[in-house]
């Protein structure tokens, strides 16, 4: 059964996630973090696509990569994340180009949440940018 968490607990979890996974300019980006982000976000999708393609060709299936608006618009301190999401977008384009004639459709969706869409995001964005809107 799901448990209910307080707004403070949720805000603390989000802050810990941001602290651990993002928010470093390129010169401060650790190689380990760069490699981990690309391995999870891009290499995982590449391997899944590669292994699924024979089955998808047989059925004329579709691939949908969940990228991010940050694959199109850079955000400050999100270098590895933005690069990995841009790679997902290009992966879908390449698959569509290479296998479209065999009936494969490949696309990426690029979701985004408005910067001040929830009260829980406001303190994080304020802390990172000094205001409620990202500096894209």
N, C-alpha and C. Protein backbone atom coordinates (compact mmCIF):
# COMPACT_ATOMS: atom_id res chain seq x y z
N UNK A 1 0.85 -1.18 0.00
CA UNK A 1 0.00 0.00 0.00
C UNK A 1 0.89 1.24 0.00
N UNK A 2 0.58 2.21 -0.86
CA UNK A 2 1.39 3.43 -0.90
C UNK A 2 1.34 4.19 0.42
N UNK A 3 2.47 4.79 0.74
CA UNK A 3 2.51 5.62 1.94
C UNK A 3 2.47 7.08 1.54
N UNK A 4 2.01 7.90 2.43
CA UNK A 4 1.94 9.33 2.18
C UNK A 4 3.17 10.00 2.78
N UNK A 5 3.75 10.90 2.02
CA UNK A 5 4.92 11.63 2.50
C UNK A 5 4.58 13.11 2.60
N UNK A 6 5.19 13.76 3.54
CA UNK A 6 4.96 15.19 3.72
C UNK A 6 5.65 15.98 2.62
N UNK A 7 5.18 17.18 2.35
CA UNK A 7 5.87 18.02 1.37
C UNK A 7 7.35 18.22 1.71
N UNK A 8 7.67 18.33 2.98
CA UNK A 8 9.07 18.52 3.38
C UNK A 8 9.91 17.28 3.03
N UNK A 9 9.35 16.09 3.25
CA UNK A 9 10.07 14.85 2.91
C UNK A 9 10.29 14.75 1.41
N UNK A 10 9.28 15.09 0.63
CA UNK A 10 9.39 15.03 -0.82
C UNK A 10 10.40 16.06 -1.32
N UNK A 11 10.34 17.27 -0.78
CA UNK A 11 11.30 18.31 -1.16
C UNK A 11 12.72 17.88 -0.85
N UNK A 12 12.94 17.23 0.30
CA UNK A 12 14.27 16.77 0.68
C UNK A 12 14.75 15.68 -0.28
N UNK A 13 13.86 14.79 -0.69
CA UNK A 13 14.23 13.74 -1.64
C UNK A 13 14.60 14.33 -2.99
N UNK A 14 13.85 15.31 -3.44
CA UNK A 14 14.16 15.96 -4.72
C UNK A 14 15.50 16.68 -4.63
N UNK A 15 15.71 17.40 -3.54
CA UNK A 15 16.97 18.12 -3.36
C UNK A 15 18.16 17.15 -3.36
N UNK A 16 18.02 16.01 -2.70
CA UNK A 16 19.09 15.02 -2.66
C UNK A 16 19.35 14.46 -4.05
N UNK A 17 18.30 14.24 -4.83
CA UNK A 17 18.45 13.74 -6.20
C UNK A 17 19.18 14.74 -7.08
N UNK A 18 18.77 16.01 -6.99
CA UNK A 18 19.42 17.05 -7.78
C UNK A 18 20.89 17.17 -7.36
N UNK A 19 21.15 17.11 -6.07
CA UNK A 19 22.52 17.22 -5.57
C UNK A 19 23.38 16.07 -6.10
N UNK A 20 22.81 14.87 -6.14
CA UNK A 20 23.56 13.69 -6.56
C UNK A 20 23.74 13.61 -8.07
N UNK A 21 22.69 13.93 -8.85
CA UNK A 21 22.71 13.66 -10.29
C UNK A 21 22.94 14.85 -11.19
N UNK A 22 22.85 16.05 -10.71
CA UNK A 22 22.95 17.14 -11.68
C UNK A 22 23.40 18.44 -11.06
N UNK A 23 23.46 19.42 -11.91
CA UNK A 23 23.74 20.76 -11.46
C UNK A 23 25.20 21.15 -11.43
N UNK A 24 26.04 20.56 -12.29
CA UNK A 24 27.45 20.93 -12.34
C UNK A 24 27.79 21.47 -13.72
N UNK A 25 28.42 22.64 -13.78
CA UNK A 25 28.90 23.13 -15.07
C UNK A 25 29.94 22.17 -15.65
N UNK A 26 30.16 22.26 -16.94
CA UNK A 26 31.05 21.33 -17.64
C UNK A 26 32.42 21.19 -16.98
N UNK A 27 33.02 22.29 -16.58
CA UNK A 27 34.36 22.21 -15.98
C UNK A 27 34.37 21.47 -14.65
N UNK A 28 33.21 21.37 -14.01
CA UNK A 28 33.12 20.65 -12.73
C UNK A 28 32.54 19.25 -12.91
N UNK A 29 32.15 18.91 -14.13
CA UNK A 29 31.56 17.59 -14.40
C UNK A 29 32.61 16.51 -14.20
N UNK A 30 32.30 15.55 -13.37
CA UNK A 30 33.20 14.43 -13.15
C UNK A 30 33.03 13.43 -14.27
N UNK A 31 34.14 12.85 -14.74
CA UNK A 31 34.08 11.87 -15.81
C UNK A 31 33.17 10.70 -15.43
N UNK A 32 33.22 10.29 -14.18
CA UNK A 32 32.39 9.18 -13.73
C UNK A 32 30.90 9.50 -13.87
N UNK A 33 30.53 10.73 -13.51
CA UNK A 33 29.12 11.14 -13.62
C UNK A 33 28.71 11.22 -15.09
N UNK A 34 29.59 11.78 -15.93
CA UNK A 34 29.34 11.87 -17.37
C UNK A 34 29.09 10.47 -17.93
N UNK A 35 30.01 9.53 -17.64
CA UNK A 35 29.88 8.17 -18.17
C UNK A 35 28.63 7.47 -17.64
N UNK A 36 28.33 7.66 -16.37
CA UNK A 36 27.14 7.03 -15.79
C UNK A 36 25.87 7.57 -16.43
N UNK A 37 25.79 8.87 -16.62
CA UNK A 37 24.60 9.47 -17.21
C UNK A 37 24.41 8.99 -18.64
N UNK A 38 25.46 8.98 -19.43
CA UNK A 38 25.34 8.50 -20.80
C UNK A 38 25.05 7.00 -20.85
N UNK A 39 25.65 6.23 -19.95
CA UNK A 39 25.39 4.79 -19.91
C UNK A 39 23.92 4.51 -19.62
N UNK A 40 23.36 5.20 -18.65
CA UNK A 40 21.97 4.97 -18.27
C UNK A 40 21.02 5.51 -19.33
N UNK A 41 21.18 6.77 -19.71
CA UNK A 41 20.21 7.43 -20.58
C UNK A 41 20.36 7.08 -22.05
N UNK A 42 21.57 6.84 -22.52
CA UNK A 42 21.78 6.66 -23.96
C UNK A 42 22.20 5.23 -24.31
N UNK A 43 23.20 4.71 -23.65
CA UNK A 43 23.65 3.36 -23.97
C UNK A 43 22.56 2.33 -23.68
N UNK A 44 21.81 2.52 -22.61
CA UNK A 44 20.70 1.61 -22.30
C UNK A 44 19.67 1.59 -23.41
N UNK A 45 19.31 2.75 -23.93
CA UNK A 45 18.34 2.83 -25.03
C UNK A 45 18.93 2.23 -26.31
N UNK A 46 20.21 2.48 -26.57
CA UNK A 46 20.87 1.92 -27.74
C UNK A 46 20.83 0.39 -27.70
N UNK A 47 21.22 -0.20 -26.57
CA UNK A 47 21.24 -1.66 -26.47
C UNK A 47 19.83 -2.26 -26.57
N UNK A 48 18.87 -1.62 -25.91
CA UNK A 48 17.49 -2.11 -25.97
C UNK A 48 16.98 -2.05 -27.40
N UNK A 49 17.24 -0.95 -28.08
CA UNK A 49 16.81 -0.80 -29.47
C UNK A 49 17.47 -1.85 -30.35
N UNK A 50 18.76 -2.01 -30.19
CA UNK A 50 19.51 -2.97 -31.01
C UNK A 50 18.97 -4.39 -30.84
N UNK A 51 18.69 -4.77 -29.60
CA UNK A 51 18.19 -6.13 -29.34
C UNK A 51 16.74 -6.31 -29.76
N UNK A 52 15.96 -5.25 -29.73
CA UNK A 52 14.55 -5.34 -30.09
C UNK A 52 14.31 -5.22 -31.59
N UNK A 53 15.23 -4.61 -32.32
CA UNK A 53 15.02 -4.34 -33.74
C UNK A 53 14.63 -5.56 -34.57
N UNK A 54 15.29 -6.70 -34.45
CA UNK A 54 14.86 -7.84 -35.27
C UNK A 54 13.38 -8.20 -35.07
N UNK A 55 12.92 -8.12 -33.83
CA UNK A 55 11.52 -8.43 -33.54
C UNK A 55 10.60 -7.33 -34.07
N UNK A 56 11.05 -6.09 -33.94
CA UNK A 56 10.24 -4.98 -34.42
C UNK A 56 10.14 -4.97 -35.94
N UNK A 57 11.23 -5.32 -36.63
CA UNK A 57 11.20 -5.39 -38.09
C UNK A 57 10.19 -6.45 -38.52
N UNK A 58 10.22 -7.57 -37.85
CA UNK A 58 9.29 -8.66 -38.15
C UNK A 58 7.84 -8.23 -38.02
N UNK A 59 7.55 -7.36 -37.06
CA UNK A 59 6.18 -6.93 -36.77
C UNK A 59 5.89 -5.51 -37.26
N UNK A 60 6.85 -4.87 -37.89
CA UNK A 60 6.74 -3.47 -38.28
C UNK A 60 6.32 -2.60 -37.09
N UNK A 61 7.13 -2.70 -36.06
CA UNK A 61 6.84 -2.03 -34.80
C UNK A 61 7.35 -0.60 -34.73
N UNK A 62 7.24 -0.06 -33.55
CA UNK A 62 7.61 1.33 -33.31
C UNK A 62 8.49 1.44 -32.07
N UNK A 63 9.36 2.43 -32.10
CA UNK A 63 10.23 2.75 -30.97
C UNK A 63 9.91 4.17 -30.53
N UNK A 64 9.73 4.35 -29.24
CA UNK A 64 9.50 5.68 -28.69
C UNK A 64 10.51 5.89 -27.58
N UNK A 65 11.42 6.81 -27.79
CA UNK A 65 12.40 7.18 -26.76
C UNK A 65 11.83 8.32 -25.93
N UNK A 66 11.98 8.21 -24.61
CA UNK A 66 11.57 9.30 -23.74
C UNK A 66 12.81 10.16 -23.51
N UNK A 67 12.88 11.25 -24.24
CA UNK A 67 14.00 12.19 -24.12
C UNK A 67 13.59 13.27 -23.12
N UNK A 68 13.82 14.50 -23.45
CA UNK A 68 13.50 15.63 -22.58
C UNK A 68 13.61 16.90 -23.40
N UNK A 69 12.92 17.92 -22.95
CA UNK A 69 13.12 19.22 -23.58
C UNK A 69 14.58 19.64 -23.45
N UNK A 70 15.28 19.09 -22.46
CA UNK A 70 16.70 19.39 -22.30
C UNK A 70 17.58 18.71 -23.33
N UNK A 71 17.00 17.90 -24.19
CA UNK A 71 17.72 17.39 -25.35
C UNK A 71 17.72 18.39 -26.49
N UNK A 72 16.89 19.42 -26.36
CA UNK A 72 16.78 20.47 -27.37
C UNK A 72 17.29 21.80 -26.82
N UNK A 73 16.95 22.08 -25.57
CA UNK A 73 17.35 23.33 -24.92
C UNK A 73 18.30 23.01 -23.77
N UNK A 74 19.46 23.60 -23.80
CA UNK A 74 20.43 23.36 -22.73
C UNK A 74 20.00 24.06 -21.46
N UNK A 75 20.29 23.43 -20.34
CA UNK A 75 20.05 24.03 -19.04
C UNK A 75 21.37 24.17 -18.31
N UNK A 76 21.56 25.21 -17.54
CA UNK A 76 22.84 25.42 -16.86
C UNK A 76 23.15 24.32 -15.86
N UNK A 77 24.34 23.78 -15.95
CA UNK A 77 24.78 22.76 -15.01
C UNK A 77 24.25 21.36 -15.32
N UNK A 78 23.71 21.14 -16.50
CA UNK A 78 23.11 19.85 -16.84
C UNK A 78 23.78 19.25 -18.07
N UNK A 79 25.05 19.44 -18.25
CA UNK A 79 25.73 19.04 -19.48
C UNK A 79 25.51 17.58 -19.84
N UNK A 80 25.86 16.67 -18.97
CA UNK A 80 25.75 15.25 -19.32
C UNK A 80 24.30 14.84 -19.56
N UNK A 81 23.38 15.37 -18.77
CA UNK A 81 21.96 15.05 -18.96
C UNK A 81 21.46 15.56 -20.31
N UNK A 82 21.76 16.82 -20.63
CA UNK A 82 21.31 17.40 -21.90
C UNK A 82 21.91 16.66 -23.09
N UNK A 83 23.19 16.34 -23.02
CA UNK A 83 23.85 15.61 -24.10
C UNK A 83 23.23 14.22 -24.27
N UNK A 84 22.94 13.55 -23.17
CA UNK A 84 22.36 12.21 -23.26
C UNK A 84 20.96 12.24 -23.87
N UNK A 85 20.18 13.25 -23.53
CA UNK A 85 18.83 13.36 -24.08
C UNK A 85 18.86 13.78 -25.54
N UNK A 86 19.80 14.63 -25.93
CA UNK A 86 19.97 14.97 -27.34
C UNK A 86 20.37 13.71 -28.13
N UNK A 87 21.19 12.88 -27.52
CA UNK A 87 21.58 11.62 -28.16
C UNK A 87 20.39 10.70 -28.38
N UNK A 88 19.46 10.67 -27.45
CA UNK A 88 18.25 9.86 -27.62
C UNK A 88 17.42 10.34 -28.80
N UNK A 89 17.33 11.65 -28.94
CA UNK A 89 16.58 12.22 -30.07
C UNK A 89 17.23 11.80 -31.38
N UNK A 90 18.55 11.90 -31.47
CA UNK A 90 19.25 11.53 -32.69
C UNK A 90 19.22 10.02 -32.91
N UNK A 91 19.24 9.23 -31.86
CA UNK A 91 19.13 7.78 -32.00
C UNK A 91 17.83 7.42 -32.71
N UNK A 92 16.73 8.04 -32.31
CA UNK A 92 15.45 7.78 -32.95
C UNK A 92 15.48 8.19 -34.42
N UNK A 93 16.08 9.34 -34.72
CA UNK A 93 16.17 9.79 -36.12
C UNK A 93 17.00 8.82 -36.96
N UNK A 94 18.10 8.34 -36.41
CA UNK A 94 18.94 7.40 -37.14
C UNK A 94 18.24 6.07 -37.38
N UNK A 95 17.55 5.57 -36.37
CA UNK A 95 16.81 4.32 -36.52
C UNK A 95 15.72 4.48 -37.57
N UNK A 96 15.00 5.60 -37.52
CA UNK A 96 13.95 5.85 -38.52
C UNK A 96 14.56 5.92 -39.92
N UNK A 97 15.70 6.56 -40.05
CA UNK A 97 16.36 6.67 -41.35
C UNK A 97 16.85 5.31 -41.85
N UNK A 98 17.45 4.54 -40.96
CA UNK A 98 18.02 3.24 -41.35
C UNK A 98 16.96 2.16 -41.57
N UNK A 99 15.87 2.20 -40.82
CA UNK A 99 14.92 1.08 -40.84
C UNK A 99 13.50 1.47 -41.24
N UNK A 100 13.29 2.74 -41.58
CA UNK A 100 11.95 3.19 -41.97
C UNK A 100 11.38 2.41 -43.15
N UNK A 101 12.22 2.08 -44.12
CA UNK A 101 11.75 1.33 -45.30
C UNK A 101 11.38 -0.11 -44.96
N UNK A 102 11.76 -0.54 -43.78
CA UNK A 102 11.37 -1.88 -43.33
C UNK A 102 10.16 -1.82 -42.39
N UNK A 103 9.54 -0.65 -42.34
CA UNK A 103 8.32 -0.50 -41.55
C UNK A 103 8.51 -0.06 -40.12
N UNK A 104 9.72 0.29 -39.74
CA UNK A 104 9.98 0.72 -38.36
C UNK A 104 9.74 2.22 -38.24
N UNK A 105 8.99 2.58 -37.21
CA UNK A 105 8.80 3.99 -36.87
C UNK A 105 9.57 4.24 -35.57
N UNK A 106 10.30 5.34 -35.54
CA UNK A 106 11.07 5.68 -34.34
C UNK A 106 10.91 7.17 -34.08
N UNK A 107 10.54 7.48 -32.85
CA UNK A 107 10.32 8.87 -32.45
C UNK A 107 10.81 9.08 -31.03
N UNK A 108 10.95 10.33 -30.66
CA UNK A 108 11.26 10.72 -29.29
C UNK A 108 10.20 11.68 -28.80
N UNK A 109 9.83 11.54 -27.55
CA UNK A 109 8.99 12.53 -26.90
C UNK A 109 9.90 13.34 -25.98
N UNK A 110 9.60 14.61 -25.85
CA UNK A 110 10.47 15.51 -25.09
C UNK A 110 9.64 16.25 -24.04
N UNK A 111 9.27 15.56 -22.96
CA UNK A 111 8.44 16.21 -21.94
C UNK A 111 9.21 17.28 -21.18
N UNK A 112 8.44 18.20 -20.66
CA UNK A 112 8.99 19.27 -19.82
C UNK A 112 7.91 19.72 -18.86
N UNK A 113 8.32 20.09 -17.70
CA UNK A 113 7.40 20.66 -16.72
C UNK A 113 7.70 22.15 -16.62
N UNK A 114 6.68 22.97 -16.54
CA UNK A 114 6.95 24.41 -16.34
C UNK A 114 7.80 24.59 -15.09
N UNK A 115 8.77 25.49 -15.12
CA UNK A 115 9.72 25.63 -14.01
C UNK A 115 9.07 25.81 -12.65
N UNK A 116 7.97 26.52 -12.58
CA UNK A 116 7.34 26.74 -11.28
C UNK A 116 6.02 25.97 -11.19
N UNK A 117 5.97 24.80 -11.86
CA UNK A 117 4.72 24.06 -11.95
C UNK A 117 4.24 23.51 -10.61
N UNK A 118 5.13 23.25 -9.69
CA UNK A 118 4.72 22.72 -8.40
C UNK A 118 5.44 23.47 -7.29
N UNK A 119 4.81 23.56 -6.14
CA UNK A 119 5.48 24.23 -5.01
C UNK A 119 6.78 23.54 -4.61
N UNK A 120 6.88 22.22 -4.84
CA UNK A 120 8.08 21.50 -4.43
C UNK A 120 9.28 21.83 -5.30
N UNK A 121 9.06 22.24 -6.53
CA UNK A 121 10.17 22.59 -7.42
C UNK A 121 10.68 24.00 -7.18
N UNK A 122 9.87 24.86 -6.63
CA UNK A 122 10.25 26.27 -6.49
C UNK A 122 11.50 26.48 -5.65
N UNK A 123 11.63 25.84 -4.48
CA UNK A 123 12.86 26.08 -3.70
C UNK A 123 14.12 25.60 -4.42
N UNK A 124 14.03 24.51 -5.16
CA UNK A 124 15.19 23.99 -5.87
C UNK A 124 15.60 24.95 -6.97
N UNK A 125 14.64 25.41 -7.76
CA UNK A 125 14.95 26.34 -8.84
C UNK A 125 15.44 27.67 -8.29
N UNK A 126 14.85 28.11 -7.19
CA UNK A 126 15.31 29.37 -6.59
C UNK A 126 16.76 29.23 -6.13
N UNK A 127 17.08 28.10 -5.53
CA UNK A 127 18.44 27.87 -5.05
C UNK A 127 19.43 27.79 -6.20
N UNK A 128 19.03 27.13 -7.30
CA UNK A 128 19.95 26.92 -8.42
C UNK A 128 20.11 28.16 -9.28
N UNK A 129 19.05 28.94 -9.44
CA UNK A 129 19.08 30.02 -10.41
C UNK A 129 18.84 31.39 -9.81
N UNK A 130 18.46 31.44 -8.55
CA UNK A 130 18.18 32.73 -7.93
C UNK A 130 16.83 33.29 -8.33
N UNK A 131 16.08 32.54 -9.10
CA UNK A 131 14.72 32.94 -9.49
C UNK A 131 13.96 31.70 -9.92
N UNK A 132 12.71 31.87 -10.27
CA UNK A 132 11.87 30.71 -10.56
C UNK A 132 11.93 30.23 -12.00
N UNK A 133 12.64 30.87 -12.87
CA UNK A 133 12.70 30.40 -14.25
C UNK A 133 14.12 29.99 -14.60
N UNK A 134 14.29 28.85 -15.30
CA UNK A 134 15.64 28.46 -15.70
C UNK A 134 16.21 29.45 -16.70
N UNK A 135 17.51 29.54 -16.73
CA UNK A 135 18.19 30.47 -17.63
C UNK A 135 18.58 29.75 -18.93
N UNK A 136 17.59 29.41 -19.74
CA UNK A 136 17.84 28.70 -20.99
C UNK A 136 18.08 29.65 -22.07
